[in-house]
């Protein structure tokens, strides 16, 4: 059995749950995301399960590209460390 402690528990890893997890993380609030399946398990059929890399902004908006890359690292660390 694994023991987790968090200020907020988010149920559902769809677009809203993952977005909320990101927002809380950026505010320094500890949060635990619970999902019955894989990330984005119950979301729309058009969702491909990949996070935006920020590559599309690399040439014209490097600051946005760097922010997207950091968000991906943050979310991936949270998911992989469970």
PDB file of N, CA and C in Angstrom:
ATOM      1  N   UNK A   1       0.834  -1.176   0.000  1.00  0.00           N
ATOM      2  CA  UNK A   1       0.000   0.000   0.000  1.00  0.00           C
ATOM      3  C   UNK A   1       0.881   1.242   0.000  1.00  0.00           C
ATOM      4  N   UNK A   2       0.509   2.203  -0.825  1.00  0.00           N
ATOM      5  CA  UNK A   2       1.250   3.450  -0.932  1.00  0.00           C
ATOM      6  C   UNK A   2       0.461   4.543  -0.217  1.00  0.00           C
ATOM      7  N   UNK A   3       1.155   5.376   0.536  1.00  0.00           N
ATOM      8  CA  UNK A   3       0.526   6.455   1.283  1.00  0.00           C
ATOM      9  C   UNK A   3       0.839   7.786   0.602  1.00  0.00           C
ATOM     10  N   UNK A   4      -0.200   8.504   0.174  1.00  0.00           N
ATOM     11  CA  UNK A   4      -0.030   9.808  -0.461  1.00  0.00           C
ATOM     12  C   UNK A   4      -0.631  10.883   0.440  1.00  0.00           C
ATOM     13  N   UNK A   5      -0.031  12.067   0.413  1.00  0.00           N
ATOM     14  CA  UNK A   5      -0.598  13.213   1.102  1.00  0.00           C
ATOM     15  C   UNK A   5      -0.688  14.357   0.109  1.00  0.00           C
ATOM     16  N   UNK A   6      -1.847  15.002   0.053  1.00  0.00           N
ATOM     17  CA  UNK A   6      -2.041  16.129  -0.851  1.00  0.00           C
ATOM     18  C   UNK A   6      -3.085  17.069  -0.262  1.00  0.00           C
ATOM     19  N   UNK A   7      -3.005  18.331  -0.643  1.00  0.00           N
ATOM     20  CA  UNK A   7      -3.994  19.316  -0.202  1.00  0.00           C
ATOM     21  C   UNK A   7      -5.302  19.150  -0.962  1.00  0.00           C
ATOM     22  N   UNK A   8      -5.207  18.680  -2.222  1.00  0.00           N
ATOM     23  CA  UNK A   8      -6.380  18.546  -3.087  1.00  0.00           C
ATOM     24  C   UNK A   8      -6.333  17.190  -3.768  1.00  0.00           C
ATOM     25  N   UNK A   9      -7.496  16.548  -3.875  1.00  0.00           N
ATOM     26  CA  UNK A   9      -7.612  15.314  -4.649  1.00  0.00           C
ATOM     27  C   UNK A   9      -8.498  15.610  -5.845  1.00  0.00           C
ATOM     28  N   UNK A  10      -8.004  15.296  -7.039  1.00  0.00           N
ATOM     29  CA  UNK A  10      -8.742  15.509  -8.279  1.00  0.00           C
ATOM     30  C   UNK A  10      -9.176  14.142  -8.787  1.00  0.00           C
ATOM     31  N   UNK A  11     -10.464  13.980  -9.048  1.00  0.00           N
ATOM     32  CA  UNK A  11     -10.978  12.715  -9.558  1.00  0.00           C
ATOM     33  C   UNK A  11     -11.277  12.888 -11.042  1.00  0.00           C
ATOM     34  N   UNK A  12     -10.534  12.169 -11.865  1.00  0.00           N
ATOM     35  CA  UNK A  12     -10.723  12.217 -13.315  1.00  0.00           C
ATOM     36  C   UNK A  12      -9.558  12.892 -14.002  1.00  0.00           C
ATOM     37  N   UNK A  13      -8.888  12.154 -14.882  1.00  0.00           N
ATOM     38  CA  UNK A  13      -7.723  12.673 -15.584  1.00  0.00           C
ATOM     39  C   UNK A  13      -8.015  13.106 -17.006  1.00  0.00           C
ATOM     40  N   UNK A  14      -9.231  13.604 -17.235  1.00  0.00           N
ATOM     41  CA  UNK A  14      -9.555  14.158 -18.546  1.00  0.00           C
ATOM     42  C   UNK A  14      -8.963  15.551 -18.689  1.00  0.00           C
ATOM     43  N   UNK A  15      -9.420  16.266 -19.688  1.00  0.00           N
ATOM     44  CA  UNK A  15      -8.880  17.601 -19.957  1.00  0.00           C
ATOM     45  C   UNK A  15      -9.046  18.533 -18.753  1.00  0.00           C
ATOM     46  N   UNK A  16     -10.192  18.496 -18.101  1.00  0.00           N
ATOM     47  CA  UNK A  16     -10.435  19.370 -16.957  1.00  0.00           C
ATOM     48  C   UNK A  16      -9.567  18.981 -15.765  1.00  0.00           C
ATOM     49  N   UNK A  17      -9.502  17.680 -15.458  1.00  0.00           N
ATOM     50  CA  UNK A  17      -8.708  17.225 -14.321  1.00  0.00           C
ATOM     51  C   UNK A  17      -7.233  17.517 -14.485  1.00  0.00           C
ATOM     52  N   UNK A  18      -6.701  17.252 -15.676  1.00  0.00           N
ATOM     53  CA  UNK A  18      -5.280  17.515 -15.928  1.00  0.00           C
ATOM     54  C   UNK A  18      -5.011  19.019 -15.928  1.00  0.00           C
ATOM     55  N   UNK A  19      -5.934  19.800 -16.481  1.00  0.00           N
ATOM     56  CA  UNK A  19      -5.779  21.253 -16.462  1.00  0.00           C
ATOM     57  C   UNK A  19      -5.783  21.799 -15.044  1.00  0.00           C
ATOM     58  N   UNK A  20      -6.659  21.259 -14.216  1.00  0.00           N
ATOM     59  CA  UNK A  20      -6.713  21.673 -12.815  1.00  0.00           C
ATOM     60  C   UNK A  20      -5.435  21.277 -12.086  1.00  0.00           C
ATOM     61  N   UNK A  21      -4.943  20.064 -12.340  1.00  0.00           N
ATOM     62  CA  UNK A  21      -3.685  19.613 -11.740  1.00  0.00           C
ATOM     63  C   UNK A  21      -2.551  20.568 -12.104  1.00  0.00           C
ATOM     64  N   UNK A  22      -2.487  20.949 -13.357  1.00  0.00           N
ATOM     65  CA  UNK A  22      -1.450  21.879 -13.826  1.00  0.00           C
ATOM     66  C   UNK A  22      -1.565  23.215 -13.105  1.00  0.00           C
ATOM     67  N   UNK A  23      -2.769  23.750 -13.034  1.00  0.00           N
ATOM     68  CA  UNK A  23      -2.978  25.050 -12.418  1.00  0.00           C
ATOM     69  C   UNK A  23      -2.589  25.015 -10.940  1.00  0.00           C
ATOM     70  N   UNK A  24      -3.017  23.978 -10.243  1.00  0.00           N
ATOM     71  CA  UNK A  24      -2.667  23.868  -8.831  1.00  0.00           C
ATOM     72  C   UNK A  24      -1.163  23.742  -8.644  1.00  0.00           C
ATOM     73  N   UNK A  25      -0.523  22.940  -9.496  1.00  0.00           N
ATOM     74  CA  UNK A  25       0.923  22.767  -9.421  1.00  0.00           C
ATOM     75  C   UNK A  25       1.648  24.099  -9.612  1.00  0.00           C
ATOM     76  N   UNK A  26       1.174  24.899 -10.563  1.00  0.00           N
ATOM     77  CA  UNK A  26       1.802  26.197 -10.817  1.00  0.00           C
ATOM     78  C   UNK A  26       1.626  27.149  -9.628  1.00  0.00           C
ATOM     79  N   UNK A  27       0.600  26.918  -8.814  1.00  0.00           N
ATOM     80  CA  UNK A  27       0.344  27.751  -7.634  1.00  0.00           C
ATOM     81  C   UNK A  27       0.992  27.189  -6.374  1.00  0.00           C
ATOM     82  N   UNK A  28       1.700  26.061  -6.509  1.00  0.00           N
ATOM     83  CA  UNK A  28       2.385  25.475  -5.369  1.00  0.00           C
ATOM     84  C   UNK A  28       1.492  24.652  -4.457  1.00  0.00           C
ATOM     85  N   UNK A  29       0.320  24.255  -4.943  1.00  0.00           N
ATOM     86  CA  UNK A  29      -0.618  23.450  -4.156  1.00  0.00           C
ATOM     87  C   UNK A  29      -0.382  21.980  -4.482  1.00  0.00           C
ATOM     88  N   UNK A  30      -0.207  21.151  -3.457  1.00  0.00           N
ATOM     89  CA  UNK A  30      -0.007  19.720  -3.707  1.00  0.00           C
ATOM     90  C   UNK A  30      -1.348  19.083  -4.059  1.00  0.00           C
ATOM     91  N   UNK A  31      -1.345  18.266  -5.108  1.00  0.00           N
ATOM     92  CA  UNK A  31      -2.582  17.648  -5.582  1.00  0.00           C
ATOM     93  C   UNK A  31      -2.315  16.226  -6.030  1.00  0.00           C
ATOM     94  N   UNK A  32      -3.325  15.390  -5.867  1.00  0.00           N
ATOM     95  CA  UNK A  32      -3.273  13.996  -6.298  1.00  0.00           C
ATOM     96  C   UNK A  32      -4.379  13.795  -7.314  1.00  0.00           C
ATOM     97  N   UNK A  33      -4.035  13.291  -8.483  1.00  0.00           N
ATOM     98  CA  UNK A  33      -5.014  13.040  -9.533  1.00  0.00           C
ATOM     99  C   UNK A  33      -5.316  11.545  -9.571  1.00  0.00           C
ATOM    100  N   UNK A  34      -6.603  11.191  -9.469  1.00  0.00           N
ATOM    101  CA  UNK A  34      -7.029   9.794  -9.532  1.00  0.00           C
ATOM    102  C   UNK A  34      -7.768   9.562 -10.846  1.00  0.00           C
ATOM    103  N   UNK A  35      -7.396   8.509 -11.568  1.00  0.00           N
ATOM    104  CA  UNK A  35      -8.009   8.189 -12.859  1.00  0.00           C
ATOM    105  C   UNK A  35      -8.208   6.688 -12.923  1.00  0.00           C
ATOM    106  N   UNK A  36      -9.360   6.254 -13.389  1.00  0.00           N
ATOM    107  CA  UNK A  36      -9.653   4.823 -13.433  1.00  0.00           C
ATOM    108  C   UNK A  36      -8.876   4.091 -14.518  1.00  0.00           C
ATOM    109  N   UNK A  37      -8.498   4.779 -15.563  1.00  0.00           N
ATOM    110  CA  UNK A  37      -7.739   4.161 -16.647  1.00  0.00           C
ATOM    111  C   UNK A  37      -6.451   4.923 -16.878  1.00  0.00           C
ATOM    112  N   UNK A  38      -6.024   4.967 -18.124  1.00  0.00           N
ATOM    113  CA  UNK A  38      -4.836   5.721 -18.492  1.00  0.00           C
ATOM    114  C   UNK A  38      -5.183   7.200 -18.525  1.00  0.00           C
ATOM    115  N   UNK A  39      -4.174   8.061 -18.627  1.00  0.00           N
ATOM    116  CA  UNK A  39      -4.404   9.500 -18.728  1.00  0.00           C
ATOM    117  C   UNK A  39      -5.375   9.781 -19.866  1.00  0.00           C
ATOM    118  N   UNK A  40      -6.383  10.572 -19.608  1.00  0.00           N
ATOM    119  CA  UNK A  40      -7.403  10.953 -20.585  1.00  0.00           C
ATOM    120  C   UNK A  40      -8.238   9.760 -21.039  1.00  0.00           C
ATOM    121  N   UNK A  41      -8.437   8.792 -20.182  1.00  0.00           N
ATOM    122  CA  UNK A  41      -9.162   7.556 -20.486  1.00  0.00           C
ATOM    123  C   UNK A  41     -10.563   7.812 -21.042  1.00  0.00           C
ATOM    124  N   UNK A  42     -11.323   8.705 -20.434  1.00  0.00           N
ATOM    125  CA  UNK A  42     -12.712   8.882 -20.839  1.00  0.00           C
ATOM    126  C   UNK A  42     -12.987  10.137 -21.655  1.00  0.00           C
ATOM    127  N   UNK A  43     -11.966  10.748 -22.220  1.00  0.00           N
ATOM    128  CA  UNK A  43     -12.170  12.001 -22.952  1.00  0.00           C
ATOM    129  C   UNK A  43     -12.637  11.738 -24.370  1.00  0.00           C
ATOM    130  N   UNK A  44     -12.803  12.793 -25.121  1.00  0.00           N
ATOM    131  CA  UNK A  44     -13.360  12.682 -26.470  1.00  0.00           C
ATOM    132  C   UNK A  44     -12.494  11.819 -27.382  1.00  0.00           C
ATOM    133  N   UNK A  45     -13.104  11.265 -28.388  1.00  0.00           N
ATOM    134  CA  UNK A  45     -12.393  10.367 -29.313  1.00  0.00           C
ATOM    135  C   UNK A  45     -11.336  11.097 -30.129  1.00  0.00           C
ATOM    136  N   UNK A  46     -11.414  12.418 -30.198  1.00  0.00           N
ATOM    137  CA  UNK A  46     -10.418  13.166 -30.961  1.00  0.00           C
ATOM    138  C   UNK A  46      -9.143  13.413 -30.163  1.00  0.00           C
ATOM    139  N   UNK A  47      -9.175  13.170 -28.858  1.00  0.00           N
ATOM    140  CA  UNK A  47      -7.989  13.388 -28.033  1.00  0.00           C
ATOM    141  C   UNK A  47      -7.016  12.237 -28.257  1.00  0.00           C
ATOM    142  N   UNK A  48      -5.779  12.538 -28.565  1.00  0.00           N
ATOM    143  CA  UNK A  48      -4.796  11.507 -28.912  1.00  0.00           C
ATOM    144  C   UNK A  48      -3.917  11.096 -27.747  1.00  0.00           C
ATOM    145  N   UNK A  49      -4.098  11.707 -26.568  1.00  0.00           N
ATOM    146  CA  UNK A  49      -3.341  11.317 -25.386  1.00  0.00           C
ATOM    147  C   UNK A  49      -1.959  11.940 -25.289  1.00  0.00           C
ATOM    148  N   UNK A  50      -1.604  12.786 -26.228  1.00  0.00           N
ATOM    149  CA  UNK A  50      -0.295  13.432 -26.203  1.00  0.00           C
ATOM    150  C   UNK A  50      -0.431  14.850 -25.683  1.00  0.00           C
ATOM    151  N   UNK A  51       0.545  15.300 -24.970  1.00  0.00           N
ATOM    152  CA  UNK A  51       0.574  16.670 -24.485  1.00  0.00           C
ATOM    153  C   UNK A  51       1.212  17.560 -25.533  1.00  0.00           C
ATOM    154  N   UNK A  52       0.814  18.802 -25.603  1.00  0.00           N
ATOM    155  CA  UNK A  52       1.373  19.742 -26.568  1.00  0.00           C
ATOM    156  C   UNK A  52       2.836  20.019 -26.225  1.00  0.00           C
ATOM    157  N   UNK A  53       3.713  19.828 -27.183  1.00  0.00           N
ATOM    158  CA  UNK A  53       5.150  19.996 -26.924  1.00  0.00           C
ATOM    159  C   UNK A  53       5.608  21.443 -26.955  1.00  0.00           C
ATOM    160  N   UNK A  54       4.858  22.301 -27.624  1.00  0.00           N
ATOM    161  CA  UNK A  54       5.268  23.690 -27.774  1.00  0.00           C
ATOM    162  C   UNK A  54       6.091  23.925 -29.017  1.00  0.00           C
ATOM    163  N   UNK A  55       6.363  22.856 -29.769  1.00  0.00           N
ATOM    164  CA  UNK A  55       7.218  22.977 -30.952  1.00  0.00           C
ATOM    165  C   UNK A  55       6.648  23.951 -31.976  1.00  0.00           C
ATOM    166  N   UNK A  56       5.331  24.033 -32.065  1.00  0.00           N
ATOM    167  CA  UNK A  56       4.736  24.931 -33.063  1.00  0.00           C
ATOM    168  C   UNK A  56       5.066  26.404 -32.792  1.00  0.00           C
ATOM    169  N   UNK A  57       5.466  26.728 -31.555  1.00  0.00           N
ATOM    170  CA  UNK A  57       5.802  28.105 -31.205  1.00  0.00           C
ATOM    171  C   UNK A  57       7.299  28.400 -31.278  1.00  0.00           C
ATOM    172  N   UNK A  58       8.105  27.407 -31.532  1.00  0.00           N
ATOM    173  CA  UNK A  58       9.561  27.536 -31.404  1.00  0.00           C
ATOM    174  C   UNK A  58      10.147  28.692 -32.205  1.00  0.00           C
ATOM    175  N   UNK A  59       9.648  28.934 -33.400  1.00  0.00           N
ATOM    176  CA  UNK A  59      10.234  29.973 -34.248  1.00  0.00           C
ATOM    177  C   UNK A  59       9.686  31.355 -33.923  1.00  0.00           C
ATOM    178  N   UNK A  60       8.362  31.483 -33.820  1.00  0.00           N
ATOM    179  CA  UNK A  60       7.757  32.807 -33.664  1.00  0.00           C
ATOM    180  C   UNK A  60       7.546  33.244 -32.218  1.00  0.00           C
ATOM    181  N   UNK A  61       7.508  32.299 -31.289  1.00  0.00           N
ATOM    182  CA  UNK A  61       7.241  32.646 -29.894  1.00  0.00           C
ATOM    183  C   UNK A  61       8.020  31.703 -28.969  1.00  0.00           C
ATOM    184  N   UNK A  62       9.336  31.898 -28.888  1.00  0.00           N
ATOM    185  CA  UNK A  62      10.159  30.975 -28.095  1.00  0.00           C
ATOM    186  C   UNK A  62       9.800  30.930 -26.609  1.00  0.00           C
ATOM    187  N   UNK A  63       9.275  32.017 -26.056  1.00  0.00           N
ATOM    188  CA  UNK A  63       8.889  31.994 -24.637  1.00  0.00           C
ATOM    189  C   UNK A  63       7.707  31.048 -24.409  1.00  0.00           C
ATOM    190  N   UNK A  64       6.722  31.062 -25.321  1.00  0.00           N
ATOM    191  CA  UNK A  64       5.595  30.135 -25.209  1.00  0.00           C
ATOM    192  C   UNK A  64       6.056  28.704 -25.398  1.00  0.00           C
ATOM    193  N   UNK A  65       6.989  28.482 -26.313  1.00  0.00           N
ATOM    194  CA  UNK A  65       7.529  27.136 -26.535  1.00  0.00           C
ATOM    195  C   UNK A  65       8.213  26.623 -25.271  1.00  0.00           C
ATOM    196  N   UNK A  66       8.981  27.457 -24.620  1.00  0.00           N
ATOM    197  CA  UNK A  66       9.666  27.057 -23.390  1.00  0.00           C
ATOM    198  C   UNK A  66       8.660  26.766 -22.275  1.00  0.00           C
ATOM    199  N   UNK A  67       7.602  27.574 -22.195  1.00  0.00           N
ATOM    200  CA  UNK A  67       6.571  27.345 -21.181  1.00  0.00           C
ATOM    201  C   UNK A  67       5.858  26.012 -21.410  1.00  0.00           C
ATOM    202  N   UNK A  68       5.517  25.696 -22.659  1.00  0.00           N
ATOM    203  CA  UNK A  68       4.872  24.413 -22.974  1.00  0.00           C
ATOM    204  C   UNK A  68       5.785  23.244 -22.615  1.00  0.00           C
ATOM    205  N   UNK A  69       7.062  23.373 -22.929  1.00  0.00           N
ATOM    206  CA  UNK A  69       8.013  22.301 -22.621  1.00  0.00           C
ATOM    207  C   UNK A  69       8.105  22.085 -21.116  1.00  0.00           C
ATOM    208  N   UNK A  70       8.125  23.173 -20.338  1.00  0.00           N
ATOM    209  CA  UNK A  70       8.175  23.050 -18.876  1.00  0.00           C
ATOM    210  C   UNK A  70       6.899  22.408 -18.338  1.00  0.00           C
ATOM    211  N   UNK A  71       5.739  22.777 -18.886  1.00  0.00           N
ATOM    212  CA  UNK A  71       4.479  22.173 -18.453  1.00  0.00           C
ATOM    213  C   UNK A  71       4.493  20.668 -18.702  1.00  0.00           C
ATOM    214  N   UNK A  72       5.006  20.250 -19.850  1.00  0.00           N
ATOM    215  CA  UNK A  72       5.099  18.821 -20.155  1.00  0.00           C
ATOM    216  C   UNK A  72       5.978  18.098 -19.149  1.00  0.00           C
ATOM    217  N   UNK A  73       7.121  18.694 -18.815  1.00  0.00           N
ATOM    218  CA  UNK A  73       8.013  18.065 -17.835  1.00  0.00           C
ATOM    219  C   UNK A  73       7.313  17.943 -16.481  1.00  0.00           C
ATOM    220  N   UNK A  74       6.609  18.993 -16.074  1.00  0.00           N
ATOM    221  CA  UNK A  74       5.909  18.984 -14.784  1.00  0.00           C
ATOM    222  C   UNK A  74       4.845  17.895 -14.747  1.00  0.00           C
ATOM    223  N   UNK A  75       4.014  17.826 -15.769  1.00  0.00           N
ATOM    224  CA  UNK A  75       2.948  16.830 -15.808  1.00  0.00           C
ATOM    225  C   UNK A  75       3.517  15.417 -15.907  1.00  0.00           C
ATOM    226  N   UNK A  76       4.534  15.221 -16.725  1.00  0.00           N
ATOM    227  CA  UNK A  76       5.130  13.898 -16.872  1.00  0.00           C
ATOM    228  C   UNK A  76       5.759  13.413 -15.570  1.00  0.00           C
ATOM    229  N   UNK A  77       6.394  14.294 -14.839  1.00  0.00           N
ATOM    230  CA  UNK A  77       6.997  13.922 -13.556  1.00  0.00           C
ATOM    231  C   UNK A  77       5.908  13.485 -12.587  1.00  0.00           C
ATOM    232  N   UNK A  78       4.792  14.218 -12.538  1.00  0.00           N
ATOM    233  CA  UNK A  78       3.685  13.878 -11.639  1.00  0.00           C
ATOM    234  C   UNK A  78       3.118  12.503 -11.988  1.00  0.00           C
ATOM    235  N   UNK A  79       2.963  12.217 -13.258  1.00  0.00           N
ATOM    236  CA  UNK A  79       2.369  10.952 -13.699  1.00  0.00           C
ATOM    237  C   UNK A  79       3.330   9.805 -13.465  1.00  0.00           C
ATOM    238  N   UNK A  80       4.586   9.979 -13.819  1.00  0.00           N
ATOM    239  CA  UNK A  80       5.549   8.899 -13.720  1.00  0.00           C
ATOM    240  C   UNK A  80       5.971   8.596 -12.296  1.00  0.00           C
ATOM    241  N   UNK A  81       5.794   9.544 -11.386  1.00  0.00           N
ATOM    242  CA  UNK A  81       6.253   9.327 -10.008  1.00  0.00           C
ATOM    243  C   UNK A  81       5.197   8.667  -9.125  1.00  0.00           C
ATOM    244  N   UNK A  82       4.056   8.291  -9.669  1.00  0.00           N
ATOM    245  CA  UNK A  82       3.028   7.671  -8.824  1.00  0.00           C
ATOM    246  C   UNK A  82       3.330   6.280  -8.461  1.00  0.00           C
TER     247      UNK A  82
END
